[in-house]
Amino acid sequence: MTERMKPEELKALADPAKLSLPLQALWYEAQGDWDKAHEVCQQAKSRGGDWVHAYLHRKEGDLGNAGYWYARAGRPMPEPEVAFDSEWTALVQALA
């Protein structure tokens, strides 16, 4: 894609296959498939993939694991009051 994708456009895609692996992982997570999202972000082997991986573990409630992945991504872990939807949107905006 040549122009930035909006979060609602990512959610509405029928097939994410042409997207980067981190964006594919976010698409699967938005579809309610945490396991597939987790599998895909691990394949990315990039800071973007690590950030998505961190987000997934934070959402899962595994904060120790999330902290490890945020550190690998070079990102601070969001404060507990930061909504998951807000972080998901920030991820899409940063990675699209």
Protein backbone atom coordinates (compact mmCIF):
# COMPACT_ATOMS: atom_id res chain seq x y z
CA MET A 1 0.00 0.00 0.00
CA THR A 2 1.33 3.42 -0.84
CA GLU A 3 -0.70 5.46 1.62
CA ARG A 4 -1.10 4.82 5.31
CA MET A 5 -3.79 2.41 6.31
CA LYS A 6 -6.31 3.55 8.87
CA PRO A 7 -7.11 1.21 11.79
CA GLU A 8 -10.70 0.72 10.63
CA GLU A 9 -9.42 -0.23 7.15
CA LEU A 10 -7.19 -2.91 8.64
CA LYS A 11 -10.07 -4.39 10.62
CA ALA A 12 -12.26 -4.43 7.50
CA LEU A 13 -9.82 -6.31 5.27
CA ALA A 14 -10.98 -9.70 4.05
CA ASP A 15 -7.44 -11.09 3.77
CA PRO A 16 -4.28 -9.64 5.36
CA ALA A 17 -1.82 -11.78 3.35
CA LYS A 18 -0.20 -8.83 1.54
CA LEU A 19 0.51 -6.94 4.77
CA SER A 20 3.66 -7.06 6.88
CA LEU A 21 3.70 -9.81 9.50
CA PRO A 22 3.18 -7.38 12.42
CA LEU A 23 0.10 -5.92 10.69
CA GLN A 24 -1.16 -9.41 9.89
CA ALA A 25 -0.84 -10.26 13.59
CA LEU A 26 -2.85 -7.17 14.52
CA TRP A 27 -5.50 -8.15 11.98
CA TYR A 28 -5.80 -11.66 13.46
CA GLU A 29 -6.03 -10.21 16.95
CA ALA A 30 -8.79 -7.83 15.85
CA GLN A 31 -10.65 -10.85 14.44
CA GLY A 32 -10.45 -12.51 17.86
CA ASP A 33 -7.75 -15.04 16.95
CA TRP A 34 -5.11 -14.40 19.63
CA ASP A 35 -3.29 -17.67 18.96
CA LYS A 36 -2.81 -16.95 15.24
CA ALA A 37 -1.80 -13.35 16.04
CA HIS A 38 0.80 -14.67 18.48
CA GLU A 39 2.12 -17.17 15.93
CA VAL A 40 2.41 -14.55 13.18
CA CYS A 41 4.11 -11.85 15.27
CA GLN A 42 6.77 -14.36 16.34
CA GLN A 43 7.60 -15.00 12.68
CA ALA A 44 8.28 -11.28 12.07
CA LYS A 45 11.64 -11.19 13.88
CA SER A 46 11.57 -7.40 13.95
CA ARG A 47 11.03 -4.60 16.46
CA GLY A 48 7.52 -4.15 15.08
CA GLY A 49 6.81 -7.83 15.59
CA ASP A 50 8.26 -7.63 19.10
CA TRP A 51 6.01 -4.66 19.89
CA VAL A 52 2.93 -6.55 18.71
CA HIS A 53 4.12 -9.57 20.70
CA ALA A 54 4.42 -7.37 23.80
CA TYR A 55 0.94 -5.93 23.27
CA LEU A 56 -0.55 -9.41 22.93
CA HIS A 57 1.00 -10.58 26.20
CA ARG A 58 -0.09 -7.38 27.99
CA LYS A 59 -3.63 -7.95 26.77
CA GLU A 60 -3.41 -11.58 27.87
CA GLY A 61 -2.41 -10.39 31.36
CA ASP A 62 1.10 -11.90 31.27
CA LEU A 63 2.89 -8.70 32.27
CA GLY A 64 6.26 -10.34 32.93
CA ASN A 65 6.40 -11.74 29.41
CA ALA A 66 5.00 -8.49 28.01
CA GLY A 67 7.77 -6.52 29.74
CA TYR A 68 10.41 -8.69 28.11
CA TRP A 69 8.94 -8.09 24.64
CA TYR A 70 8.47 -4.35 25.19
CA ALA A 71 12.17 -4.17 26.10
CA ARG A 72 13.11 -6.10 22.94
CA ALA A 73 10.96 -3.70 20.92
CA GLY A 74 12.67 -0.69 22.54
CA ARG A 75 9.32 0.49 23.92
CA PRO A 76 8.15 1.22 27.45
CA MET A 77 5.24 -0.84 28.72
CA PRO A 78 2.12 1.34 28.77
CA GLU A 79 0.66 2.30 32.12
CA PRO A 80 -2.17 0.01 33.24
CA GLU A 81 -4.81 2.65 32.47
CA VAL A 82 -3.85 2.76 28.77
CA ALA A 83 -6.68 1.01 26.95
CA PHE A 84 -5.86 -1.93 24.70
CA ASP A 85 -7.80 -0.29 21.86
CA SER A 86 -5.61 2.79 22.14
CA GLU A 87 -2.42 0.76 21.94
CA TRP A 88 -3.78 -1.32 19.03
CA THR A 89 -4.54 1.91 17.14
CA ALA A 90 -1.06 3.29 17.92
CA LEU A 91 0.48 0.06 16.65
CA VAL A 92 -1.42 0.23 13.37
CA GLN A 93 -0.53 3.88 12.89
CA ALA A 94 3.15 3.21 13.56
CA LEU A 95 3.43 0.05 11.47
CA ALA A 96 1.19 0.84 8.49
